[in-house]
């Protein structure tokens, strides 16, 4: 539940609407002095629309800038292909078993070639 401050609007909405008015109204009068009133109105709407969207649009409890941030992250910054990788306990045990087998094979090979026995005789 968001707390309402004035005219049943939240603080965020009031700040965004205030900024839209501070940017849009002077631009309206500036463009109106150069040309047509309809053109000035359309330009004012285009200038104020992003701030109105920031104030009002919300999806799944997230404001527009968070949705845009997640979109940019997913679309442009993070890698496109993210392969599924898991490291479950069973695969870790299988890797460890393979290592033990390799070590045993190396030890057996040394015993059969006699390198290990000769190394012990020369040490003594």
PDB file of N, CA and C in Angstrom:
ATOM      1  N   UNK A   1       0.846  -1.177   0.000  1.00  0.00           N
ATOM      2  CA  UNK A   1       0.000   0.000   0.000  1.00  0.00           C
ATOM      3  C   UNK A   1       0.890   1.238   0.000  1.00  0.00           C
ATOM      4  N   UNK A   2       0.721   2.070  -0.968  1.00  0.00           N
ATOM      5  CA  UNK A   2       1.520   3.281  -1.071  1.00  0.00           C
ATOM      6  C   UNK A   2       0.761   4.431  -0.429  1.00  0.00           C
ATOM      7  N   UNK A   3       1.496   5.276   0.276  1.00  0.00           N
ATOM      8  CA  UNK A   3       0.840   6.399   0.949  1.00  0.00           C
ATOM      9  C   UNK A   3       0.578   7.521  -0.060  1.00  0.00           C
ATOM     10  N   UNK A   4      -0.629   8.037  -0.014  1.00  0.00           N
ATOM     11  CA  UNK A   4      -1.043   9.118  -0.902  1.00  0.00           C
ATOM     12  C   UNK A   4      -0.820  10.443  -0.190  1.00  0.00           C
ATOM     13  N   UNK A   5      -0.318  11.432  -0.912  1.00  0.00           N
ATOM     14  CA  UNK A   5       0.016  12.704  -0.276  1.00  0.00           C
ATOM     15  C   UNK A   5      -0.999  13.798  -0.624  1.00  0.00           C
ATOM     16  N   UNK A   6      -1.179  14.032  -1.911  1.00  0.00           N
ATOM     17  CA  UNK A   6      -2.009  15.144  -2.355  1.00  0.00           C
ATOM     18  C   UNK A   6      -2.786  14.709  -3.587  1.00  0.00           C
ATOM     19  N   UNK A   7      -4.061  15.005  -3.641  1.00  0.00           N
ATOM     20  CA  UNK A   7      -4.939  14.638  -4.766  1.00  0.00           C
ATOM     21  C   UNK A   7      -4.908  13.136  -5.039  1.00  0.00           C
ATOM     22  N   UNK A   8      -4.735  12.350  -4.016  1.00  0.00           N
ATOM     23  CA  UNK A   8      -4.685  10.895  -4.114  1.00  0.00           C
ATOM     24  C   UNK A   8      -3.535  10.427  -5.016  1.00  0.00           C
ATOM     25  N   UNK A   9      -2.427  11.176  -4.989  1.00  0.00           N
ATOM     26  CA  UNK A   9      -1.224  10.841  -5.746  1.00  0.00           C
ATOM     27  C   UNK A   9      -0.068  10.578  -4.789  1.00  0.00           C
ATOM     28  N   UNK A  10       0.823   9.705  -5.182  1.00  0.00           N
ATOM     29  CA  UNK A  10       2.005   9.433  -4.365  1.00  0.00           C
ATOM     30  C   UNK A  10       3.050  10.521  -4.573  1.00  0.00           C
ATOM     31  N   UNK A  11       4.046  10.514  -3.715  1.00  0.00           N
ATOM     32  CA  UNK A  11       5.115  11.510  -3.820  1.00  0.00           C
ATOM     33  C   UNK A  11       5.843  11.378  -5.157  1.00  0.00           C
ATOM     34  N   UNK A  12       6.059  10.166  -5.589  1.00  0.00           N
ATOM     35  CA  UNK A  12       6.720   9.916  -6.869  1.00  0.00           C
ATOM     36  C   UNK A  12       5.915  10.522  -8.021  1.00  0.00           C
ATOM     37  N   UNK A  13       4.606  10.303  -8.012  1.00  0.00           N
ATOM     38  CA  UNK A  13       3.751  10.836  -9.067  1.00  0.00           C
ATOM     39  C   UNK A  13       3.724  12.361  -9.036  1.00  0.00           C
ATOM     40  N   UNK A  14       3.688  12.947  -7.852  1.00  0.00           N
ATOM     41  CA  UNK A  14       3.692  14.404  -7.760  1.00  0.00           C
ATOM     42  C   UNK A  14       4.992  14.998  -8.303  1.00  0.00           C
ATOM     43  N   UNK A  15       6.122  14.374  -7.979  1.00  0.00           N
ATOM     44  CA  UNK A  15       7.409  14.877  -8.471  1.00  0.00           C
ATOM     45  C   UNK A  15       7.474  14.766  -9.993  1.00  0.00           C
ATOM     46  N   UNK A  16       7.049  13.626 -10.543  1.00  0.00           N
ATOM     47  CA  UNK A  16       7.091  13.449 -11.994  1.00  0.00           C
ATOM     48  C   UNK A  16       6.148  14.401 -12.716  1.00  0.00           C
ATOM     49  N   UNK A  17       4.936  14.577 -12.187  1.00  0.00           N
ATOM     50  CA  UNK A  17       3.987  15.510 -12.807  1.00  0.00           C
ATOM     51  C   UNK A  17       4.493  16.943 -12.713  1.00  0.00           C
ATOM     52  N   UNK A  18       5.094  17.304 -11.577  1.00  0.00           N
ATOM     53  CA  UNK A  18       5.656  18.648 -11.420  1.00  0.00           C
ATOM     54  C   UNK A  18       6.777  18.900 -12.414  1.00  0.00           C
ATOM     55  N   UNK A  19       7.645  17.916 -12.579  1.00  0.00           N
ATOM     56  CA  UNK A  19       8.739  18.057 -13.554  1.00  0.00           C
ATOM     57  C   UNK A  19       8.185  18.157 -14.975  1.00  0.00           C
ATOM     58  N   UNK A  20       7.136  17.383 -15.267  1.00  0.00           N
ATOM     59  CA  UNK A  20       6.524  17.447 -16.598  1.00  0.00           C
ATOM     60  C   UNK A  20       5.944  18.832 -16.865  1.00  0.00           C
ATOM     61  N   UNK A  21       5.296  19.398 -15.865  1.00  0.00           N
ATOM     62  CA  UNK A  21       4.721  20.738 -16.025  1.00  0.00           C
ATOM     63  C   UNK A  21       5.830  21.770 -16.196  1.00  0.00           C
ATOM     64  N   UNK A  22       6.901  21.646 -15.387  1.00  0.00           N
ATOM     65  CA  UNK A  22       7.990  22.621 -15.477  1.00  0.00           C
ATOM     66  C   UNK A  22       8.713  22.560 -16.822  1.00  0.00           C
ATOM     67  N   UNK A  23       8.715  21.401 -17.462  1.00  0.00           N
ATOM     68  CA  UNK A  23       9.366  21.277 -18.768  1.00  0.00           C
ATOM     69  C   UNK A  23       8.389  21.544 -19.914  1.00  0.00           C
ATOM     70  N   UNK A  24       7.156  21.044 -19.784  1.00  0.00           N
ATOM     71  CA  UNK A  24       6.201  21.087 -20.885  1.00  0.00           C
ATOM     72  C   UNK A  24       5.575  22.444 -21.149  1.00  0.00           C
ATOM     73  N   UNK A  25       5.191  23.166 -20.098  1.00  0.00           N
ATOM     74  CA  UNK A  25       4.488  24.447 -20.289  1.00  0.00           C
ATOM     75  C   UNK A  25       5.398  25.492 -20.938  1.00  0.00           C
ATOM     76  N   UNK A  26       6.640  25.685 -20.464  1.00  0.00           N
ATOM     77  CA  UNK A  26       7.500  26.657 -21.161  1.00  0.00           C
ATOM     78  C   UNK A  26       7.785  26.252 -22.615  1.00  0.00           C
ATOM     79  N   UNK A  27       7.930  24.954 -22.844  1.00  0.00           N
ATOM     80  CA  UNK A  27       8.168  24.532 -24.229  1.00  0.00           C
ATOM     81  C   UNK A  27       6.936  24.816 -25.098  1.00  0.00           C
ATOM     82  N   UNK A  28       5.740  24.669 -24.526  1.00  0.00           N
ATOM     83  CA  UNK A  28       4.517  24.980 -25.267  1.00  0.00           C
ATOM     84  C   UNK A  28       4.507  26.437 -25.718  1.00  0.00           C
ATOM     85  N   UNK A  29       4.785  27.347 -24.762  1.00  0.00           N
ATOM     86  CA  UNK A  29       4.735  28.762 -25.111  1.00  0.00           C
ATOM     87  C   UNK A  29       5.886  29.152 -26.049  1.00  0.00           C
ATOM     88  N   UNK A  30       7.039  28.487 -25.909  1.00  0.00           N
ATOM     89  CA  UNK A  30       8.154  28.773 -26.819  1.00  0.00           C
ATOM     90  C   UNK A  30       7.849  28.336 -28.237  1.00  0.00           C
ATOM     91  N   UNK A  31       7.255  27.155 -28.390  1.00  0.00           N
ATOM     92  CA  UNK A  31       6.935  26.653 -29.727  1.00  0.00           C
ATOM     93  C   UNK A  31       5.739  27.402 -30.307  1.00  0.00           C
ATOM     94  N   UNK A  32       4.798  27.800 -29.429  1.00  0.00           N
ATOM     95  CA  UNK A  32       3.607  28.536 -29.895  1.00  0.00           C
ATOM     96  C   UNK A  32       4.008  29.886 -30.497  1.00  0.00           C
ATOM     97  N   UNK A  33       5.038  30.531 -29.920  1.00  0.00           N
ATOM     98  CA  UNK A  33       5.467  31.830 -30.462  1.00  0.00           C
ATOM     99  C   UNK A  33       6.119  31.665 -31.840  1.00  0.00           C
ATOM    100  N   UNK A  34       6.648  30.473 -32.120  1.00  0.00           N
ATOM    101  CA  UNK A  34       7.275  30.240 -33.416  1.00  0.00           C
ATOM    102  C   UNK A  34       6.285  29.805 -34.486  1.00  0.00           C
ATOM    103  N   UNK A  35       5.200  29.159 -34.065  1.00  0.00           N
ATOM    104  CA  UNK A  35       4.324  28.629 -35.091  1.00  0.00           C
ATOM    105  C   UNK A  35       2.913  28.398 -34.606  1.00  0.00           C
ATOM    106  N   UNK A  36       2.375  27.287 -34.967  1.00  0.00           N
ATOM    107  CA  UNK A  36       0.995  26.902 -34.804  1.00  0.00           C
ATOM    108  C   UNK A  36       0.720  26.411 -33.378  1.00  0.00           C
ATOM    109  N   UNK A  37      -0.494  26.611 -32.875  1.00  0.00           N
ATOM    110  CA  UNK A  37      -0.887  26.134 -31.550  1.00  0.00           C
ATOM    111  C   UNK A  37      -0.990  24.610 -31.529  1.00  0.00           C
ATOM    112  N   UNK A  38      -1.485  24.015 -32.596  1.00  0.00           N
ATOM    113  CA  UNK A  38      -1.586  22.556 -32.653  1.00  0.00           C
ATOM    114  C   UNK A  38      -0.200  21.913 -32.627  1.00  0.00           C
ATOM    115  N   UNK A  39       0.735  22.498 -33.331  1.00  0.00           N
ATOM    116  CA  UNK A  39       2.099  21.995 -33.313  1.00  0.00           C
ATOM    117  C   UNK A  39       2.698  22.117 -31.915  1.00  0.00           C
ATOM    118  N   UNK A  40       2.452  23.237 -31.258  1.00  0.00           N
ATOM    119  CA  UNK A  40       2.966  23.442 -29.899  1.00  0.00           C
ATOM    120  C   UNK A  40       2.365  22.429 -28.938  1.00  0.00           C
ATOM    121  N   UNK A  41       1.067  22.141 -29.094  1.00  0.00           N
ATOM    122  CA  UNK A  41       0.403  21.166 -28.226  1.00  0.00           C
ATOM    123  C   UNK A  41       0.975  19.768 -28.437  1.00  0.00           C
ATOM    124  N   UNK A  42       1.160  19.375 -29.676  1.00  0.00           N
ATOM    125  CA  UNK A  42       1.714  18.049 -29.951  1.00  0.00           C
ATOM    126  C   UNK A  42       3.144  17.917 -29.414  1.00  0.00           C
ATOM    127  N   UNK A  43       3.949  18.949 -29.592  1.00  0.00           N
ATOM    128  CA  UNK A  43       5.313  18.918 -29.071  1.00  0.00           C
ATOM    129  C   UNK A  43       5.313  18.845 -27.542  1.00  0.00           C
ATOM    130  N   UNK A  44       4.417  19.575 -26.897  1.00  0.00           N
ATOM    131  CA  UNK A  44       4.320  19.537 -25.440  1.00  0.00           C
ATOM    132  C   UNK A  44       3.945  18.133 -24.971  1.00  0.00           C
ATOM    133  N   UNK A  45       3.020  17.491 -25.656  1.00  0.00           N
ATOM    134  CA  UNK A  45       2.606  16.127 -25.292  1.00  0.00           C
ATOM    135  C   UNK A  45       3.779  15.168 -25.426  1.00  0.00           C
ATOM    136  N   UNK A  46       4.525  15.280 -26.514  1.00  0.00           N
ATOM    137  CA  UNK A  46       5.672  14.393 -26.732  1.00  0.00           C
ATOM    138  C   UNK A  46       6.743  14.625 -25.666  1.00  0.00           C
ATOM    139  N   UNK A  47       6.956  15.879 -25.277  1.00  0.00           N
ATOM    140  CA  UNK A  47       7.960  16.197 -24.264  1.00  0.00           C
ATOM    141  C   UNK A  47       7.530  15.697 -22.876  1.00  0.00           C
ATOM    142  N   UNK A  48       6.243  15.816 -22.558  1.00  0.00           N
ATOM    143  CA  UNK A  48       5.761  15.457 -21.221  1.00  0.00           C
ATOM    144  C   UNK A  48       5.448  13.968 -21.061  1.00  0.00           C
ATOM    145  N   UNK A  49       5.239  13.265 -22.144  1.00  0.00           N
ATOM    146  CA  UNK A  49       4.820  11.866 -22.076  1.00  0.00           C
ATOM    147  C   UNK A  49       5.792  10.960 -21.307  1.00  0.00           C
ATOM    148  N   UNK A  50       7.109  11.049 -21.515  1.00  0.00           N
ATOM    149  CA  UNK A  50       7.995  10.166 -20.742  1.00  0.00           C
ATOM    150  C   UNK A  50       7.874  10.357 -19.225  1.00  0.00           C
ATOM    151  N   UNK A  51       7.715  11.594 -18.796  1.00  0.00           N
ATOM    152  CA  UNK A  51       7.564  11.834 -17.356  1.00  0.00           C
ATOM    153  C   UNK A  51       6.232  11.303 -16.836  1.00  0.00           C
ATOM    154  N   UNK A  52       5.174  11.405 -17.625  1.00  0.00           N
ATOM    155  CA  UNK A  52       3.897  10.812 -17.209  1.00  0.00           C
ATOM    156  C   UNK A  52       4.010   9.291 -17.119  1.00  0.00           C
ATOM    157  N   UNK A  53       4.709   8.688 -18.070  1.00  0.00           N
ATOM    158  CA  UNK A  53       4.897   7.238 -18.021  1.00  0.00           C
ATOM    159  C   UNK A  53       5.709   6.829 -16.796  1.00  0.00           C
ATOM    160  N   UNK A  54       6.752   7.580 -16.475  1.00  0.00           N
ATOM    161  CA  UNK A  54       7.533   7.283 -15.278  1.00  0.00           C
ATOM    162  C   UNK A  54       6.673   7.371 -14.019  1.00  0.00           C
ATOM    163  N   UNK A  55       5.728   8.294 -14.018  1.00  0.00           N
ATOM    164  CA  UNK A  55       4.884   8.476 -12.839  1.00  0.00           C
ATOM    165  C   UNK A  55       3.823   7.398 -12.723  1.00  0.00           C
ATOM    166  N   UNK A  56       3.231   6.981 -13.814  1.00  0.00           N
ATOM    167  CA  UNK A  56       2.035   6.149 -13.735  1.00  0.00           C
ATOM    168  C   UNK A  56       2.259   4.670 -14.035  1.00  0.00           C
ATOM    169  N   UNK A  57       3.157   4.331 -14.941  1.00  0.00           N
ATOM    170  CA  UNK A  57       3.274   2.938 -15.378  1.00  0.00           C
ATOM    171  C   UNK A  57       3.988   2.105 -14.327  1.00  0.00           C
ATOM    172  N   UNK A  58       3.389   0.986 -14.017  1.00  0.00           N
ATOM    173  CA  UNK A  58       3.970   0.055 -13.063  1.00  0.00           C
ATOM    174  C   UNK A  58       3.492  -1.345 -13.420  1.00  0.00           C
ATOM    175  N   UNK A  59       4.421  -2.299 -13.446  1.00  0.00           N
ATOM    176  CA  UNK A  59       4.068  -3.674 -13.769  1.00  0.00           C
ATOM    177  C   UNK A  59       4.679  -4.581 -12.711  1.00  0.00           C
ATOM    178  N   UNK A  60       3.890  -5.441 -12.150  1.00  0.00           N
ATOM    179  CA  UNK A  60       4.321  -6.371 -11.105  1.00  0.00           C
ATOM    180  C   UNK A  60       5.017  -5.655  -9.954  1.00  0.00           C
ATOM    181  N   UNK A  61       4.544  -4.476  -9.619  1.00  0.00           N
ATOM    182  CA  UNK A  61       5.104  -3.725  -8.500  1.00  0.00           C
ATOM    183  C   UNK A  61       6.397  -3.008  -8.810  1.00  0.00           C
ATOM    184  N   UNK A  62       6.853  -3.033 -10.060  1.00  0.00           N
ATOM    185  CA  UNK A  62       8.095  -2.367 -10.435  1.00  0.00           C
ATOM    186  C   UNK A  62       7.791  -1.151 -11.289  1.00  0.00           C
ATOM    187  N   UNK A  63       8.447  -0.024 -11.004  1.00  0.00           N
ATOM    188  CA  UNK A  63       8.241   1.174 -11.821  1.00  0.00           C
ATOM    189  C   UNK A  63       8.902   1.021 -13.193  1.00  0.00           C
ATOM    190  N   UNK A  64       8.597   1.939 -14.065  1.00  0.00           N
ATOM    191  CA  UNK A  64       9.048   1.873 -15.458  1.00  0.00           C
ATOM    192  C   UNK A  64      10.565   1.850 -15.587  1.00  0.00           C
ATOM    193  N   UNK A  65      11.287   2.614 -14.774  1.00  0.00           N
ATOM    194  CA  UNK A  65      12.744   2.632 -14.927  1.00  0.00           C
ATOM    195  C   UNK A  65      13.371   1.290 -14.554  1.00  0.00           C
ATOM    196  N   UNK A  66      12.796   0.561 -13.612  1.00  0.00           N
ATOM    197  CA  UNK A  66      13.317  -0.769 -13.281  1.00  0.00           C
ATOM    198  C   UNK A  66      13.027  -1.763 -14.416  1.00  0.00           C
ATOM    199  N   UNK A  67      11.857  -1.653 -14.993  1.00  0.00           N
ATOM    200  CA  UNK A  67      11.516  -2.519 -16.128  1.00  0.00           C
ATOM    201  C   UNK A  67      12.453  -2.227 -17.296  1.00  0.00           C
ATOM    202  N   UNK A  68      12.711  -0.950 -17.564  1.00  0.00           N
ATOM    203  CA  UNK A  68      13.621  -0.570 -18.646  1.00  0.00           C
ATOM    204  C   UNK A  68      15.044  -1.033 -18.341  1.00  0.00           C
ATOM    205  N   UNK A  69      15.471  -0.939 -17.079  1.00  0.00           N
ATOM    206  CA  UNK A  69      16.808  -1.386 -16.686  1.00  0.00           C
ATOM    207  C   UNK A  69      16.965  -2.882 -16.925  1.00  0.00           C
ATOM    208  N   UNK A  70      15.962  -3.672 -16.506  1.00  0.00           N
ATOM    209  CA  UNK A  70      16.021  -5.115 -16.706  1.00  0.00           C
ATOM    210  C   UNK A  70      15.986  -5.472 -18.193  1.00  0.00           C
ATOM    211  N   UNK A  71      15.226  -4.730 -18.963  1.00  0.00           N
ATOM    212  CA  UNK A  71      15.163  -4.969 -20.403  1.00  0.00           C
ATOM    213  C   UNK A  71      16.528  -4.733 -21.051  1.00  0.00           C
ATOM    214  N   UNK A  72      17.156  -3.616 -20.711  1.00  0.00           N
ATOM    215  CA  UNK A  72      18.468  -3.291 -21.281  1.00  0.00           C
ATOM    216  C   UNK A  72      19.494  -4.333 -20.859  1.00  0.00           C
ATOM    217  N   UNK A  73      19.451  -4.754 -19.591  1.00  0.00           N
ATOM    218  CA  UNK A  73      20.377  -5.780 -19.112  1.00  0.00           C
ATOM    219  C   UNK A  73      20.210  -7.074 -19.913  1.00  0.00           C
ATOM    220  N   UNK A  74      18.970  -7.514 -20.064  1.00  0.00           N
ATOM    221  CA  UNK A  74      18.713  -8.791 -20.733  1.00  0.00           C
ATOM    222  C   UNK A  74      18.966  -8.714 -22.234  1.00  0.00           C
ATOM    223  N   UNK A  75      18.708  -7.585 -22.830  1.00  0.00           N
ATOM    224  CA  UNK A  75      18.783  -7.477 -24.281  1.00  0.00           C
ATOM    225  C   UNK A  75      20.176  -7.132 -24.795  1.00  0.00           C
ATOM    226  N   UNK A  76      20.884  -6.245 -24.094  1.00  0.00           N
ATOM    227  CA  UNK A  76      22.121  -5.715 -24.639  1.00  0.00           C
ATOM    228  C   UNK A  76      23.372  -6.044 -23.830  1.00  0.00           C
ATOM    229  N   UNK A  77      23.292  -6.132 -22.532  1.00  0.00           N
ATOM    230  CA  UNK A  77      24.489  -6.255 -21.708  1.00  0.00           C
ATOM    231  C   UNK A  77      24.852  -7.709 -21.432  1.00  0.00           C
ATOM    232  N   UNK A  78      23.905  -8.493 -20.992  1.00  0.00           N
ATOM    233  CA  UNK A  78      24.192  -9.888 -20.668  1.00  0.00           C
ATOM    234  C   UNK A  78      24.316 -10.716 -21.940  1.00  0.00           C
ATOM    235  N   UNK A  79      25.041 -11.843 -21.874  1.00  0.00           N
ATOM    236  CA  UNK A  79      25.189 -12.672 -23.080  1.00  0.00           C
ATOM    237  C   UNK A  79      23.855 -13.250 -23.535  1.00  0.00           C
ATOM    238  N   UNK A  80      23.740 -13.415 -24.844  1.00  0.00           N
ATOM    239  CA  UNK A  80      22.479 -13.902 -25.410  1.00  0.00           C
ATOM    240  C   UNK A  80      22.230 -15.365 -25.057  1.00  0.00           C
ATOM    241  N   UNK A  81      23.270 -16.184 -25.158  1.00  0.00           N
ATOM    242  CA  UNK A  81      23.116 -17.614 -24.890  1.00  0.00           C
ATOM    243  C   UNK A  81      23.669 -17.893 -23.500  1.00  0.00           C
ATOM    244  N   UNK A  82      22.821 -18.373 -22.643  1.00  0.00           N
ATOM    245  CA  UNK A  82      23.249 -18.748 -21.306  1.00  0.00           C
ATOM    246  C   UNK A  82      22.957 -20.229 -21.123  1.00  0.00           C
ATOM    247  N   UNK A  83      23.955 -21.069 -21.382  1.00  0.00           N
ATOM    248  CA  UNK A  83      23.708 -22.513 -21.283  1.00  0.00           C
ATOM    249  C   UNK A  83      23.413 -22.906 -19.844  1.00  0.00           C
ATOM    250  N   UNK A  84      22.544 -23.878 -19.735  1.00  0.00           N
ATOM    251  CA  UNK A  84      22.186 -24.369 -18.416  1.00  0.00           C
ATOM    252  C   UNK A  84      23.324 -25.234 -17.898  1.00  0.00           C
ATOM    253  N   UNK A  85      23.843 -24.899 -16.755  1.00  0.00           N
ATOM    254  CA  UNK A  85      24.919 -25.671 -16.159  1.00  0.00           C
ATOM    255  C   UNK A  85      24.544 -25.976 -14.723  1.00  0.00           C
ATOM    256  N   UNK A  86      24.795 -27.201 -14.351  1.00  0.00           N
ATOM    257  CA  UNK A  86      24.523 -27.590 -12.981  1.00  0.00           C
ATOM    258  C   UNK A  86      25.716 -28.370 -12.450  1.00  0.00           C
ATOM    259  N   UNK A  87      25.905 -28.343 -11.182  1.00  0.00           N
ATOM    260  CA  UNK A  87      26.964 -29.095 -10.542  1.00  0.00           C
ATOM    261  C   UNK A  87      26.333 -29.829  -9.368  1.00  0.00           C
ATOM    262  N   UNK A  88      25.633 -30.887  -9.699  1.00  0.00           N
ATOM    263  CA  UNK A  88      24.952 -31.630  -8.644  1.00  0.00           C
ATOM    264  C   UNK A  88      25.944 -32.562  -7.945  1.00  0.00           C
ATOM    265  N   UNK A  89      25.541 -33.070  -6.815  1.00  0.00           N
ATOM    266  CA  UNK A  89      26.393 -33.905  -5.986  1.00  0.00           C
ATOM    267  C   UNK A  89      26.785 -35.187  -6.715  1.00  0.00           C
ATOM    268  N   UNK A  90      25.865 -35.752  -7.465  1.00  0.00           N
ATOM    269  CA  UNK A  90      26.153 -36.997  -8.179  1.00  0.00           C
ATOM    270  C   UNK A  90      27.273 -36.809  -9.197  1.00  0.00           C
ATOM    271  N   UNK A  91      27.233 -35.734  -9.988  1.00  0.00           N
ATOM    272  CA  UNK A  91      28.290 -35.512 -10.980  1.00  0.00           C
ATOM    273  C   UNK A  91      29.624 -35.225 -10.308  1.00  0.00           C
ATOM    274  N   UNK A  92      29.609 -34.541  -9.170  1.00  0.00           N
ATOM    275  CA  UNK A  92      30.852 -34.306  -8.441  1.00  0.00           C
ATOM    276  C   UNK A  92      31.443 -35.632  -7.959  1.00  0.00           C
ATOM    277  N   UNK A  93      30.592 -36.529  -7.473  1.00  0.00           N
ATOM    278  CA  UNK A  93      31.072 -37.850  -7.059  1.00  0.00           C
ATOM    279  C   UNK A  93      31.630 -38.636  -8.232  1.00  0.00           C
ATOM    280  N   UNK A  94      30.997 -38.542  -9.391  1.00  0.00           N
ATOM    281  CA  UNK A  94      31.480 -39.254 -10.578  1.00  0.00           C
ATOM    282  C   UNK A  94      32.845 -38.706 -11.017  1.00  0.00           C
ATOM    283  N   UNK A  95      33.030 -37.396 -10.974  1.00  0.00           N
ATOM    284  CA  UNK A  95      34.330 -36.809 -11.318  1.00  0.00           C
ATOM    285  C   UNK A  95      35.407 -37.273 -10.342  1.00  0.00           C
ATOM    286  N   UNK A  96      35.067 -37.291  -9.058  1.00  0.00           N
ATOM    287  CA  UNK A  96      36.034 -37.751  -8.062  1.00  0.00           C
ATOM    288  C   UNK A  96      36.383 -39.225  -8.273  1.00  0.00           C
ATOM    289  N   UNK A  97      35.400 -40.030  -8.632  1.00  0.00           N
ATOM    290  CA  UNK A  97      35.634 -41.448  -8.913  1.00  0.00           C
ATOM    291  C   UNK A  97      36.575 -41.603 -10.103  1.00  0.00           C
ATOM    292  N   UNK A  98      36.380 -40.782 -11.136  1.00  0.00           N
ATOM    293  CA  UNK A  98      37.265 -40.837 -12.307  1.00  0.00           C
ATOM    294  C   UNK A  98      38.700 -40.466 -11.919  1.00  0.00           C
ATOM    295  N   UNK A  99      38.846 -39.479 -11.055  1.00  0.00           N
ATOM    296  CA  UNK A  99      40.184 -39.084 -10.604  1.00  0.00           C
ATOM    297  C   UNK A  99      40.843 -40.227  -9.850  1.00  0.00           C
ATOM    298  N   UNK A 100      40.084 -40.873  -8.960  1.00  0.00           N
ATOM    299  CA  UNK A 100      40.632 -42.017  -8.228  1.00  0.00           C
ATOM    300  C   UNK A 100      41.053 -43.136  -9.172  1.00  0.00           C
ATOM    301  N   UNK A 101      40.256 -43.400 -10.195  1.00  0.00           N
ATOM    302  CA  UNK A 101      40.613 -44.440 -11.168  1.00  0.00           C
ATOM    303  C   UNK A 101      41.908 -44.090 -11.898  1.00  0.00           C
ATOM    304  N   UNK A 102      42.060 -42.816 -12.286  1.00  0.00           N
ATOM    305  CA  UNK A 102      43.277 -42.395 -12.965  1.00  0.00           C
ATOM    306  C   UNK A 102      44.486 -42.540 -12.056  1.00  0.00           C
ATOM    307  N   UNK A 103      44.353 -42.152 -10.794  1.00  0.00           N
ATOM    308  CA  UNK A 103      45.466 -42.265  -9.853  1.00  0.00           C
ATOM    309  C   UNK A 103      45.825 -43.732  -9.647  1.00  0.00           C
ATOM    310  N   UNK A 104      44.823 -44.586  -9.493  1.00  0.00           N
ATOM    311  CA  UNK A 104      45.079 -46.017  -9.338  1.00  0.00           C
ATOM    312  C   UNK A 104      45.767 -46.590 -10.573  1.00  0.00           C
ATOM    313  N   UNK A 105      45.360 -46.157 -11.759  1.00  0.00           N
ATOM    314  CA  UNK A 105      45.985 -46.647 -12.992  1.00  0.00           C
ATOM    315  C   UNK A 105      47.435 -46.218 -13.062  1.00  0.00           C
ATOM    316  N   UNK A 106      47.740 -44.995 -12.679  1.00  0.00           N
ATOM    317  CA  UNK A 106      49.124 -44.513 -12.685  1.00  0.00           C
ATOM    318  C   UNK A 106      49.956 -45.290 -11.673  1.00  0.00           C
ATOM    319  N   UNK A 107      49.388 -45.514 -10.487  1.00  0.00           N
ATOM    320  CA  UNK A 107      50.113 -46.269  -9.460  1.00  0.00           C
ATOM    321  C   UNK A 107      50.360 -47.708  -9.909  1.00  0.00           C
ATOM    322  N   UNK A 108      49.382 -48.332 -10.535  1.00  0.00           N
ATOM    323  CA  UNK A 108      49.546 -49.698 -11.027  1.00  0.00           C
ATOM    324  C   UNK A 108      50.590 -49.760 -12.130  1.00  0.00           C
ATOM    325  N   UNK A 109      50.617 -48.752 -12.981  1.00  0.00           N
ATOM    326  CA  UNK A 109      51.586 -48.698 -14.067  1.00  0.00           C
ATOM    327  C   UNK A 109      53.007 -48.584 -13.512  1.00  0.00           C
ATOM    328  N   UNK A 110      53.178 -47.768 -12.480  1.00  0.00           N
ATOM    329  CA  UNK A 110      54.498 -47.623 -11.868  1.00  0.00           C
ATOM    330  C   UNK A 110      54.947 -48.926 -11.214  1.00  0.00           C
ATOM    331  N   UNK A 111      54.011 -49.626 -10.579  1.00  0.00           N
ATOM    332  CA  UNK A 111      54.364 -50.892  -9.937  1.00  0.00           C
ATOM    333  C   UNK A 111      54.779 -51.935 -10.962  1.00  0.00           C
ATOM    334  N   UNK A 112      54.102 -51.980 -12.100  1.00  0.00           N
ATOM    335  CA  UNK A 112      54.422 -52.991 -13.113  1.00  0.00           C
ATOM    336  C   UNK A 112      55.717 -52.675 -13.844  1.00  0.00           C
ATOM    337  N   UNK A 113      56.065 -51.402 -14.011  1.00  0.00           N
ATOM    338  CA  UNK A 113      57.307 -51.069 -14.710  1.00  0.00           C
ATOM    339  C   UNK A 113      58.508 -51.153 -13.799  1.00  0.00           C
ATOM    340  N   UNK A 114      58.328 -51.165 -12.512  1.00  0.00           N
ATOM    341  CA  UNK A 114      59.418 -51.307 -11.570  1.00  0.00           C
ATOM    342  C   UNK A 114      60.088 -50.006 -11.203  1.00  0.00           C
ATOM    343  N   UNK A 115      59.624 -48.902 -11.701  1.00  0.00           N
ATOM    344  CA  UNK A 115      60.216 -47.610 -11.352  1.00  0.00           C
ATOM    345  C   UNK A 115      60.044 -47.335  -9.866  1.00  0.00           C
ATOM    346  N   UNK A 116      58.909 -47.685  -9.384  1.00  0.00           N
ATOM    347  CA  UNK A 116      58.611 -47.412  -7.986  1.00  0.00           C
ATOM    348  C   UNK A 116      59.526 -48.246  -7.085  1.00  0.00           C
ATOM    349  N   UNK A 117      59.777 -49.518  -7.419  1.00  0.00           N
ATOM    350  CA  UNK A 117      60.607 -50.403  -6.609  1.00  0.00           C
ATOM    351  C   UNK A 117      62.072 -49.949  -6.659  1.00  0.00           C
ATOM    352  N   UNK A 118      62.564 -49.552  -7.841  1.00  0.00           N
ATOM    353  CA  UNK A 118      63.942 -49.090  -7.964  1.00  0.00           C
ATOM    354  C   UNK A 118      64.175 -47.811  -7.184  1.00  0.00           C
ATOM    355  N   UNK A 119      63.148 -46.939  -7.153  1.00  0.00           N
ATOM    356  CA  UNK A 119      63.289 -45.695  -6.416  1.00  0.00           C
ATOM    357  C   UNK A 119      63.419 -45.989  -4.932  1.00  0.00           C
ATOM    358  N   UNK A 120      62.732 -47.004  -4.437  1.00  0.00           N
ATOM    359  CA  UNK A 120      62.819 -47.339  -3.014  1.00  0.00           C
ATOM    360  C   UNK A 120      64.189 -47.938  -2.691  1.00  0.00           C
ATOM    361  N   UNK A 121      64.750 -48.771  -3.565  1.00  0.00           N
ATOM    362  CA  UNK A 121      66.037 -49.414  -3.309  1.00  0.00           C
ATOM    363  C   UNK A 121      67.151 -48.372  -3.313  1.00  0.00           C
ATOM    364  N   UNK A 122      67.067 -47.363  -4.177  1.00  0.00           N
ATOM    365  CA  UNK A 122      68.130 -46.369  -4.232  1.00  0.00           C
ATOM    366  C   UNK A 122      68.081 -45.431  -3.026  1.00  0.00           C
ATOM    367  N   UNK A 123      66.877 -45.247  -2.448  1.00  0.00           N
ATOM    368  CA  UNK A 123      66.742 -44.386  -1.273  1.00  0.00           C
ATOM    369  C   UNK A 123      67.362 -45.051  -0.055  1.00  0.00           C
ATOM    370  N   UNK A 124      67.327 -46.382   0.018  1.00  0.00           N
ATOM    371  CA  UNK A 124      67.776 -47.077   1.228  1.00  0.00           C
ATOM    372  C   UNK A 124      69.255 -47.205   1.350  1.00  0.00           C
TER     373      UNK A 124
END
